[in-house]
N, C-alpha and C. Protein backbone atom coordinates (compact mmCIF):
# COMPACT_ATOMS: atom_id res chain seq x y z
N MET A 1 26.02 66.36 -0.35
CA MET A 1 24.90 65.90 0.43
C MET A 1 25.26 63.92 -0.18
N LEU A 2 24.89 63.16 0.21
CA LEU A 2 25.06 61.94 -0.05
C LEU A 2 23.79 61.16 -0.48
N LYS A 3 23.71 61.01 -1.62
CA LYS A 3 22.27 60.30 -2.20
C LYS A 3 22.14 58.70 -2.02
N MET A 4 20.68 58.36 -1.45
CA MET A 4 20.71 56.84 -1.06
C MET A 4 20.53 56.34 -1.88
N LYS A 5 20.48 55.16 -1.92
CA LYS A 5 20.61 53.93 -2.94
C LYS A 5 19.46 53.28 -2.80
N LYS A 6 18.17 53.54 -3.45
CA LYS A 6 17.13 52.21 -3.33
C LYS A 6 17.52 51.03 -3.54
N GLY A 7 16.99 49.58 -2.99
CA GLY A 7 17.16 48.52 -3.56
C GLY A 7 18.28 47.51 -2.93
N PHE A 8 18.09 46.42 -3.03
CA PHE A 8 19.00 45.70 -2.16
C PHE A 8 20.59 45.18 -2.79
N THR A 9 21.19 44.84 -1.87
CA THR A 9 22.77 44.24 -2.43
C THR A 9 22.66 43.26 -2.84
N LEU A 10 23.84 43.01 -3.55
CA LEU A 10 23.67 41.19 -3.97
C LEU A 10 23.85 40.11 -3.05
N ILE A 11 24.58 40.72 -1.79
CA ILE A 11 24.58 39.37 -0.84
C ILE A 11 23.21 39.44 0.06
N GLU A 12 22.55 40.36 -0.07
CA GLU A 12 21.41 40.70 0.37
C GLU A 12 20.23 39.43 -0.20
N LEU A 13 20.29 40.03 -1.40
CA LEU A 13 19.67 38.89 -2.43
C LEU A 13 19.96 37.39 -2.00
N LEU A 14 21.13 37.31 -2.41
CA LEU A 14 21.61 36.08 -2.14
C LEU A 14 21.32 35.15 -0.65
N VAL A 15 21.25 36.00 0.12
CA VAL A 15 21.07 35.12 1.55
C VAL A 15 19.08 34.74 1.87
N VAL A 16 18.68 36.08 0.90
CA VAL A 16 17.20 35.71 0.83
C VAL A 16 16.59 34.70 -0.17
N ILE A 17 17.15 34.34 -0.91
CA ILE A 17 17.31 32.78 -2.10
C ILE A 17 17.61 31.40 -1.14
N ALA A 18 18.81 31.92 -0.47
CA ALA A 18 19.01 30.53 0.10
C ALA A 18 18.20 30.12 1.11
N ILE A 19 17.93 31.15 2.23
CA ILE A 19 16.53 31.23 3.14
C ILE A 19 15.29 30.28 2.34
N VAL A 20 14.84 31.21 1.17
CA VAL A 20 13.73 30.48 0.54
C VAL A 20 14.07 28.70 0.09
N SER A 21 15.21 28.50 -0.38
CA SER A 21 15.48 27.55 -0.98
C SER A 21 15.73 26.10 0.08
N LEU A 22 15.88 26.67 1.33
CA LEU A 22 16.11 25.66 2.53
C LEU A 22 14.68 25.47 2.74
N LEU A 23 13.62 26.61 2.77
CA LEU A 23 12.54 26.30 3.15
C LEU A 23 11.61 25.44 2.08
N ALA A 24 11.84 25.32 1.35
CA ALA A 24 11.77 24.60 0.26
C ALA A 24 11.63 23.39 0.01
N SER A 25 13.21 23.08 0.22
CA SER A 25 13.08 21.55 0.69
C SER A 25 12.88 21.00 1.66
N VAL A 26 12.44 21.62 3.04
CA VAL A 26 11.84 21.09 3.76
C VAL A 26 10.84 20.67 3.86
N VAL A 27 10.08 21.41 2.78
CA VAL A 27 8.33 21.36 2.64
C VAL A 27 8.02 20.49 1.69
N LEU A 28 8.85 20.27 0.81
CA LEU A 28 9.03 19.21 -0.42
C LEU A 28 9.02 18.33 0.49
N ALA A 29 10.35 17.60 1.30
CA ALA A 29 10.08 16.51 2.13
C ALA A 29 9.28 15.95 2.85
N SER A 30 8.88 17.32 3.29
CA SER A 30 7.61 16.43 4.41
C SER A 30 6.26 16.26 3.62
N LEU A 31 6.54 16.91 2.48
CA LEU A 31 5.15 16.60 1.25
C LEU A 31 4.95 15.12 0.49
N ASN A 32 6.26 14.61 0.24
CA ASN A 32 7.02 13.41 -0.01
C ASN A 32 6.19 12.41 1.38
N SER A 33 6.82 12.75 2.34
CA SER A 33 6.19 11.49 3.72
C SER A 33 4.79 11.39 3.90
N SER A 34 4.13 12.46 3.70
CA SER A 34 2.85 12.47 3.55
C SER A 34 2.17 11.87 2.53
N ARG A 35 3.09 11.76 1.46
CA ARG A 35 2.62 10.78 0.04
C ARG A 35 2.56 9.20 0.29
N ILE A 36 3.70 9.11 0.91
CA ILE A 36 3.97 7.93 0.84
C ILE A 36 2.72 7.09 2.54
N LYS A 37 2.42 7.94 3.21
CA LYS A 37 1.77 7.72 4.51
C LYS A 37 0.41 7.42 4.25
N SER A 38 -0.05 8.56 3.24
CA SER A 38 -1.43 8.26 2.62
C SER A 38 -1.53 7.26 1.84
N LYS A 39 -0.85 6.37 1.09
CA LYS A 39 -0.72 5.45 0.33
C LYS A 39 -0.95 4.32 1.16
N ASP A 40 -0.25 4.29 2.14
CA ASP A 40 -0.22 3.29 3.32
C ASP A 40 -1.72 3.01 3.92
N ALA A 41 -2.12 4.52 4.23
CA ALA A 41 -3.58 3.97 4.92
C ALA A 41 -4.40 3.65 3.65
N ALA A 42 -3.83 3.90 2.37
CA ALA A 42 -5.27 3.22 1.73
C ALA A 42 -5.22 2.18 1.41
N LEU A 43 -3.87 1.41 1.05
CA LEU A 43 -3.66 0.16 1.30
C LEU A 43 -4.13 -0.71 2.04
N MET A 44 -4.08 0.04 3.44
CA MET A 44 -4.47 -0.99 4.68
C MET A 44 -6.07 -0.83 4.62
N GLN A 45 -6.46 0.63 4.27
CA GLN A 45 -8.26 0.31 4.31
C GLN A 45 -8.22 -0.57 3.12
N SER A 46 -7.93 -0.69 2.03
CA SER A 46 -8.74 -2.12 0.94
C SER A 46 -8.29 -3.46 1.81
N ALA A 47 -7.12 -3.53 2.74
CA ALA A 47 -7.17 -4.74 3.01
C ALA A 47 -8.31 -4.84 3.93
N ARG A 48 -8.71 -3.90 4.51
CA ARG A 48 -9.90 -3.89 5.92
C ARG A 48 -11.13 -4.52 4.91
N GLU A 49 -11.11 -4.13 3.83
CA GLU A 49 -12.27 -4.02 2.76
C GLU A 49 -12.31 -5.37 2.03
N PHE A 50 -11.17 -5.95 1.85
CA PHE A 50 -10.92 -7.30 1.58
C PHE A 50 -11.21 -8.23 2.79
N GLU A 51 -11.23 -7.73 3.88
CA GLU A 51 -11.19 -8.93 4.93
C GLU A 51 -12.97 -9.02 5.13
N LYS A 52 -13.71 -7.38 4.88
CA LYS A 52 -15.03 -8.01 4.55
C LYS A 52 -15.60 -8.72 4.05
N LEU A 53 -14.68 -8.52 2.67
CA LEU A 53 -15.77 -9.49 1.46
C LEU A 53 -15.32 -10.85 1.92
N LEU A 54 -14.25 -11.24 2.36
CA LEU A 54 -14.24 -12.64 3.03
C LEU A 54 -14.97 -13.04 4.10
N ALA A 55 -15.25 -12.41 4.85
CA ALA A 55 -16.44 -12.88 5.91
C ALA A 55 -17.69 -12.69 4.97
N LEU A 56 -18.13 -12.09 4.31
CA LEU A 56 -19.42 -11.83 3.56
C LEU A 56 -19.53 -13.49 2.93
N ASP A 57 -18.22 -13.53 2.04
CA ASP A 57 -17.85 -14.81 1.35
C ASP A 57 -18.23 -16.32 1.92
N TYR A 58 -17.77 -15.98 3.20
CA TYR A 58 -17.72 -17.23 4.22
C TYR A 58 -18.82 -17.53 4.79
N GLU A 59 -19.93 -16.50 4.93
CA GLU A 59 -21.12 -17.04 5.43
C GLU A 59 -21.97 -17.56 4.27
N ASP A 60 -21.50 -17.21 3.01
CA ASP A 60 -22.39 -17.91 2.04
C ASP A 60 -21.93 -18.75 2.00
N SER A 61 -20.22 -19.36 1.85
CA SER A 61 -20.23 -20.84 1.30
C SER A 61 -19.73 -21.65 2.02
N ALA A 62 -19.48 -21.22 3.91
CA ALA A 62 -18.90 -21.77 4.92
C ALA A 62 -17.11 -22.21 4.95
N ASN A 63 -16.61 -21.56 4.20
CA ASN A 63 -15.24 -21.52 4.00
C ASN A 63 -14.57 -20.05 2.85
N TYR A 64 -13.66 -20.39 2.93
CA TYR A 64 -12.42 -18.97 2.28
C TYR A 64 -11.99 -19.19 1.00
N SER A 65 -12.28 -20.46 0.46
CA SER A 65 -11.68 -21.10 -1.10
C SER A 65 -11.94 -19.99 -2.03
N ASN A 66 -13.23 -18.87 -1.91
CA ASN A 66 -13.92 -18.71 -3.38
C ASN A 66 -12.89 -17.54 -3.41
N LEU A 67 -12.45 -17.23 -2.32
CA LEU A 67 -12.03 -15.45 -2.83
C LEU A 67 -10.07 -15.58 -2.43
N THR A 68 -9.62 -16.83 -2.30
CA THR A 68 -8.49 -17.12 -2.06
C THR A 68 -7.66 -17.43 -3.07
N VAL A 69 -6.75 -16.92 -3.28
CA VAL A 69 -5.59 -16.43 -4.41
C VAL A 69 -4.45 -16.81 -4.40
N GLY A 70 -3.63 -16.74 -3.39
CA GLY A 70 -2.27 -16.83 -3.35
C GLY A 70 -1.90 -15.42 -3.83
N HIS A 71 -0.51 -15.96 -4.39
CA HIS A 71 0.39 -14.15 -4.69
C HIS A 71 -0.56 -13.65 -5.82
N ILE A 72 -0.65 -11.94 -5.78
CA ILE A 72 -0.57 -11.66 -6.84
C ILE A 72 0.45 -10.63 -7.60
N LEU A 73 1.01 -11.16 -7.95
CA LEU A 73 2.21 -9.98 -8.59
C LEU A 73 2.36 -8.77 -8.75
N ALA A 74 3.12 -7.93 -8.89
CA ALA A 74 2.96 -6.81 -9.68
C ALA A 74 2.85 -6.61 -11.17
N GLY A 75 2.76 -7.30 -11.64
CA GLY A 75 2.72 -7.71 -13.24
C GLY A 75 1.51 -8.03 -13.50
N ASP A 76 0.73 -8.84 -12.58
CA ASP A 76 -0.76 -9.24 -12.82
C ASP A 76 -1.61 -8.82 -12.93
N ASN A 77 -2.78 -9.10 -13.75
CA ASN A 77 -3.74 -8.49 -13.66
C ASN A 77 -4.89 -9.06 -13.15
N CYS A 78 -5.57 -8.18 -12.34
CA CYS A 78 -6.38 -8.34 -11.09
C CYS A 78 -7.87 -9.07 -11.39
N ALA A 79 -7.93 -9.05 -12.68
CA ALA A 79 -9.39 -9.89 -13.17
C ALA A 79 -8.97 -11.11 -13.61
N ASP A 80 -7.52 -11.14 -14.01
CA ASP A 80 -7.47 -12.65 -14.54
C ASP A 80 -7.11 -13.73 -13.24
N SER A 81 -6.68 -12.88 -12.01
CA SER A 81 -6.20 -13.51 -10.71
C SER A 81 -7.31 -13.96 -10.23
N PHE A 82 -8.28 -13.57 -10.36
CA PHE A 82 -9.86 -14.07 -9.96
C PHE A 82 -10.96 -14.31 -10.79
N SER A 83 -10.51 -14.61 -11.94
CA SER A 83 -11.10 -15.27 -13.08
C SER A 83 -11.54 -16.54 -13.13
N VAL A 84 -10.95 -17.22 -11.76
CA VAL A 84 -11.85 -18.70 -11.21
C VAL A 84 -12.65 -18.55 -10.22
N SER A 85 -12.58 -17.15 -9.94
CA SER A 85 -13.40 -17.46 -8.62
C SER A 85 -15.42 -17.55 -8.68
N SER A 86 -15.56 -18.23 -7.88
CA SER A 86 -17.02 -18.48 -7.89
C SER A 86 -18.11 -17.67 -7.23
N SER A 87 -17.42 -16.60 -6.43
CA SER A 87 -17.84 -16.04 -5.04
C SER A 87 -18.86 -14.84 -6.18
N LEU A 88 -19.90 -14.50 -5.35
CA LEU A 88 -20.64 -13.47 -5.97
C LEU A 88 -19.99 -12.19 -5.94
N TYR A 89 -18.80 -11.56 -4.56
CA TYR A 89 -18.09 -10.92 -4.87
C TYR A 89 -17.20 -10.18 -5.06
N LYS A 90 -17.24 -11.22 -6.60
CA LYS A 90 -15.84 -11.42 -7.49
C LYS A 90 -15.41 -9.81 -8.40
N SER A 91 -16.56 -8.97 -8.65
CA SER A 91 -16.09 -7.93 -8.86
C SER A 91 -15.60 -6.90 -8.05
N GLN A 92 -16.26 -6.93 -6.28
CA GLN A 92 -15.75 -6.05 -5.90
C GLN A 92 -13.91 -6.53 -5.50
N ALA A 93 -13.77 -8.16 -5.34
CA ALA A 93 -12.63 -8.22 -5.25
C ALA A 93 -11.55 -7.76 -5.81
N ILE A 94 -11.94 -7.57 -7.63
CA ILE A 94 -11.03 -7.14 -8.68
C ILE A 94 -11.13 -5.58 -8.20
N ALA A 95 -12.01 -4.73 -8.00
CA ALA A 95 -11.91 -3.33 -7.56
C ALA A 95 -10.63 -3.38 -6.47
N ILE A 96 -10.93 -4.51 -5.46
CA ILE A 96 -9.89 -3.61 -4.26
C ILE A 96 -8.70 -4.15 -4.82
N CYS A 97 -8.46 -5.36 -5.00
CA CYS A 97 -7.10 -5.80 -5.82
C CYS A 97 -6.43 -4.26 -6.70
N GLU A 98 -7.79 -4.19 -7.69
CA GLU A 98 -6.69 -2.51 -8.33
C GLU A 98 -6.27 -1.81 -7.73
N ASN A 99 -7.29 -1.02 -6.87
CA ASN A 99 -7.03 -0.20 -5.71
C ASN A 99 -5.36 -0.44 -4.87
N ILE A 100 -5.47 -1.38 -4.63
CA ILE A 100 -3.78 -2.26 -3.97
C ILE A 100 -2.57 -2.31 -4.93
N HIS A 101 -3.01 -2.82 -6.03
CA HIS A 101 -2.19 -2.52 -7.30
C HIS A 101 -1.48 -1.37 -7.45
N ASP A 102 -2.42 0.04 -7.54
CA ASP A 102 -2.32 1.22 -7.80
C ASP A 102 -1.78 1.70 -6.77
N ASN A 103 -1.65 1.36 -5.26
CA ASN A 103 -1.21 2.12 -4.20
C ASN A 103 0.01 1.60 -3.74
N SER A 104 0.47 0.15 -3.89
CA SER A 104 1.60 -0.59 -3.97
C SER A 104 2.82 0.09 -4.66
N PRO A 105 3.58 -0.04 -3.47
CA PRO A 105 5.38 -0.15 -4.44
C PRO A 105 5.91 -1.16 -5.99
N THR A 106 6.41 -0.52 -6.32
CA THR A 106 6.87 -1.75 -7.19
C THR A 106 8.09 -2.13 -6.92
N SER A 107 8.68 -2.79 -6.78
CA SER A 107 10.26 -3.30 -6.83
C SER A 107 10.64 -4.72 -7.79
N SER A 108 9.66 -5.47 -8.11
CA SER A 108 10.07 -5.74 -9.43
C SER A 108 9.03 -6.66 -10.00
N SER A 109 8.55 -7.17 -11.15
CA SER A 109 7.37 -8.08 -11.45
C SER A 109 7.09 -8.97 -10.50
N SER A 110 8.38 -9.45 -10.37
CA SER A 110 7.78 -11.16 -9.67
C SER A 110 7.56 -10.70 -7.83
N TYR A 111 7.58 -9.69 -7.37
CA TYR A 111 7.30 -9.49 -6.10
C TYR A 111 5.87 -9.19 -6.45
N PRO A 112 5.37 -10.06 -4.81
CA PRO A 112 3.79 -9.80 -4.55
C PRO A 112 3.40 -8.92 -3.71
N PHE A 113 2.18 -8.02 -4.19
CA PHE A 113 2.13 -7.19 -3.49
C PHE A 113 0.75 -7.43 -2.95
N PHE A 114 0.09 -8.53 -2.61
CA PHE A 114 -1.15 -9.04 -2.29
C PHE A 114 -1.00 -10.39 -1.98
N VAL A 115 -1.50 -10.52 -0.98
CA VAL A 115 -1.19 -12.47 -0.46
C VAL A 115 -2.44 -12.93 0.10
N VAL A 116 -3.32 -13.86 -0.48
CA VAL A 116 -4.61 -14.51 0.49
C VAL A 116 -4.09 -16.04 0.53
N PHE A 117 -3.20 -16.46 1.92
CA PHE A 117 -2.97 -17.93 1.52
C PHE A 117 -4.53 -18.30 2.45
N PRO A 118 -4.97 -19.25 2.19
CA PRO A 118 -6.37 -20.13 2.84
C PRO A 118 -4.82 -21.44 4.00
N ASP A 119 -5.68 -22.01 4.83
CA ASP A 119 -4.97 -23.18 5.51
C ASP A 119 -5.93 -24.05 4.52
N VAL A 120 -5.22 -25.72 4.58
CA VAL A 120 -5.45 -26.77 4.20
C VAL A 120 -7.33 -26.58 4.65
N SER A 121 -7.59 -26.19 5.54
CA SER A 121 -9.18 -26.49 5.89
C SER A 121 -10.28 -25.94 5.12
N GLN A 122 -9.55 -24.71 4.53
CA GLN A 122 -10.15 -23.72 4.46
C GLN A 122 -10.76 -22.74 5.00
N GLN A 123 -10.67 -22.76 6.42
CA GLN A 123 -11.45 -22.14 7.56
C GLN A 123 -10.83 -20.97 7.88
N LYS A 124 -9.50 -20.83 7.74
CA LYS A 124 -8.50 -19.73 7.66
C LYS A 124 -7.95 -18.83 7.09
N TYR A 125 -7.67 -17.74 6.95
CA TYR A 125 -6.97 -17.21 5.71
C TYR A 125 -5.69 -16.11 6.48
N SER A 126 -4.76 -15.70 5.62
CA SER A 126 -3.90 -14.19 5.88
C SER A 126 -4.10 -13.73 5.07
N LEU A 127 -4.04 -12.03 5.00
CA LEU A 127 -4.03 -10.89 3.81
C LEU A 127 -3.38 -10.44 4.01
N GLY A 128 -2.49 -10.18 3.32
CA GLY A 128 -0.80 -9.10 3.22
C GLY A 128 -0.57 -8.23 2.51
N VAL A 129 -0.72 -7.11 2.56
CA VAL A 129 -0.34 -6.05 1.60
C VAL A 129 0.70 -5.36 2.08
N LEU A 130 1.63 -5.67 0.83
CA LEU A 130 3.27 -4.86 0.77
C LEU A 130 2.98 -2.97 1.34
N LEU A 131 3.47 -2.37 1.96
CA LEU A 131 3.61 -1.13 2.52
C LEU A 131 4.40 -0.47 1.30
N ASN A 132 4.33 0.91 1.60
CA ASN A 132 5.56 1.71 1.06
C ASN A 132 6.13 2.12 1.78
N LYS A 133 6.15 1.89 2.98
CA LYS A 133 6.65 2.85 4.66
C LYS A 133 8.08 1.72 4.48
N ASN A 134 9.02 2.60 4.66
CA ASN A 134 10.19 2.42 4.67
C ASN A 134 11.04 1.32 3.40
N PHE A 135 10.24 1.56 2.34
CA PHE A 135 10.44 0.52 1.47
C PHE A 135 11.55 -0.09 0.84
N GLU A 136 12.61 -0.57 1.11
CA GLU A 136 14.04 -1.43 0.64
C GLU A 136 13.60 -2.66 0.34
N VAL A 137 13.85 -3.58 -1.07
CA VAL A 137 13.94 -4.39 -1.41
C VAL A 137 14.76 -5.57 -0.67
N GLY A 138 13.90 -6.65 -0.27
CA GLY A 138 14.71 -7.45 0.70
C GLY A 138 14.11 -7.16 2.50
N ASN A 139 13.88 -6.10 2.78
CA ASN A 139 13.56 -5.97 3.79
C ASN A 139 11.74 -4.99 3.62
N GLU A 140 10.83 -5.27 2.97
CA GLU A 140 9.59 -4.73 2.71
C GLU A 140 8.73 -5.45 4.18
N ILE A 141 7.69 -4.31 4.15
CA ILE A 141 7.09 -4.76 5.21
C ILE A 141 5.55 -4.73 5.12
N PHE A 142 5.14 -5.75 5.76
CA PHE A 142 3.72 -5.89 5.04
C PHE A 142 2.47 -6.02 6.10
N PHE A 143 1.28 -5.49 5.79
CA PHE A 143 0.01 -5.26 6.43
C PHE A 143 -0.65 -6.24 6.67
N CYS A 144 -0.67 -7.19 7.78
CA CYS A 144 -1.38 -8.73 7.94
C CYS A 144 -2.76 -8.45 8.50
N ILE A 145 -3.61 -9.00 8.21
CA ILE A 145 -4.55 -9.57 8.92
C ILE A 145 -5.05 -10.69 8.91
N LYS A 146 -5.70 -11.59 9.77
CA LYS A 146 -5.50 -12.67 9.69
C LYS A 146 -7.49 -13.27 10.40
N SER A 147 -7.38 -14.01 10.01
CA SER A 147 -9.40 -14.54 10.18
C SER A 147 -9.35 -14.72 11.51
N ASP A 148 -8.29 -14.65 12.44
CA ASP A 148 -8.57 -14.78 14.06
C ASP A 148 -9.12 -13.19 14.44
N GLY A 149 -8.74 -12.32 13.60
CA GLY A 149 -9.24 -10.67 13.62
C GLY A 149 -7.41 -10.31 14.01
N SER A 150 -6.18 -10.93 13.71
CA SER A 150 -5.43 -9.98 14.55
C SER A 150 -5.01 -9.55 13.00
N VAL A 151 -4.01 -8.11 13.98
CA VAL A 151 -3.56 -6.98 12.94
C VAL A 151 -2.05 -6.98 12.84
N SER A 152 -0.77 -6.88 12.38
CA SER A 152 0.11 -6.90 12.48
C SER A 152 1.02 -6.52 11.49
N GLU A 153 2.53 -5.74 11.73
CA GLU A 153 3.01 -5.11 10.39
C GLU A 153 4.38 -6.21 10.63
N VAL A 154 4.50 -6.88 9.37
CA VAL A 154 5.69 -7.80 9.50
C VAL A 154 6.57 -7.71 8.87
N VAL A 155 7.86 -8.13 8.54
CA VAL A 155 8.88 -7.80 7.72
C VAL A 155 8.95 -9.31 7.12
N GLY A 156 8.77 -8.96 5.56
CA GLY A 156 8.96 -9.90 4.65
C GLY A 156 7.64 -11.14 4.93
N PRO A 157 7.02 -11.39 3.51
CA PRO A 157 5.81 -11.96 3.58
C PRO A 157 5.39 -13.15 4.92
N ASP A 158 5.71 -13.07 5.90
CA ASP A 158 5.70 -13.96 6.51
C ASP A 158 4.14 -13.58 7.14
N CYS A 159 3.18 -14.03 6.22
CA CYS A 159 1.89 -13.90 6.61
C CYS A 159 0.95 -14.96 6.97
N LEU A 160 1.38 -15.99 7.41
CA LEU A 160 0.46 -17.09 6.92
C LEU A 160 -0.53 -17.78 8.56
N PRO A 161 -1.76 -18.18 8.01
CA PRO A 161 -2.63 -18.50 8.72
C PRO A 161 -1.94 -19.03 10.22
């Protein structure tokens, strides 16, 4: 009479390990994609919050000059960037700036991650935040909000009022 052995053959074990490894790599790839999307959602929300601060400040001073800072570079300190601001909303602006800094991609210390450009009359602005989506140096995508309410995603920091 033949005795039946209990257990799995080496081939069966290797096939199971290969399938589990393949499934794990698919799950990890989708998690990384979700992480990038969540960071971009946080960046867009922060930009919208800053847009509201600009509107509040405009109601107080009738121009956008108090919270406009030009480029804030990846290595800059947000508190230093708003140090000359006379806005009542300076502390909120610094908090939003730090949130943007924490979620932005870093390409180099000389590339802006947050831009507020006023026009000459101080009656218009544009706000751009560097997104993580498809991030590639030289082909950066910015989420732009302008004082006229328009919102867009543009390649490169072409987000002028």
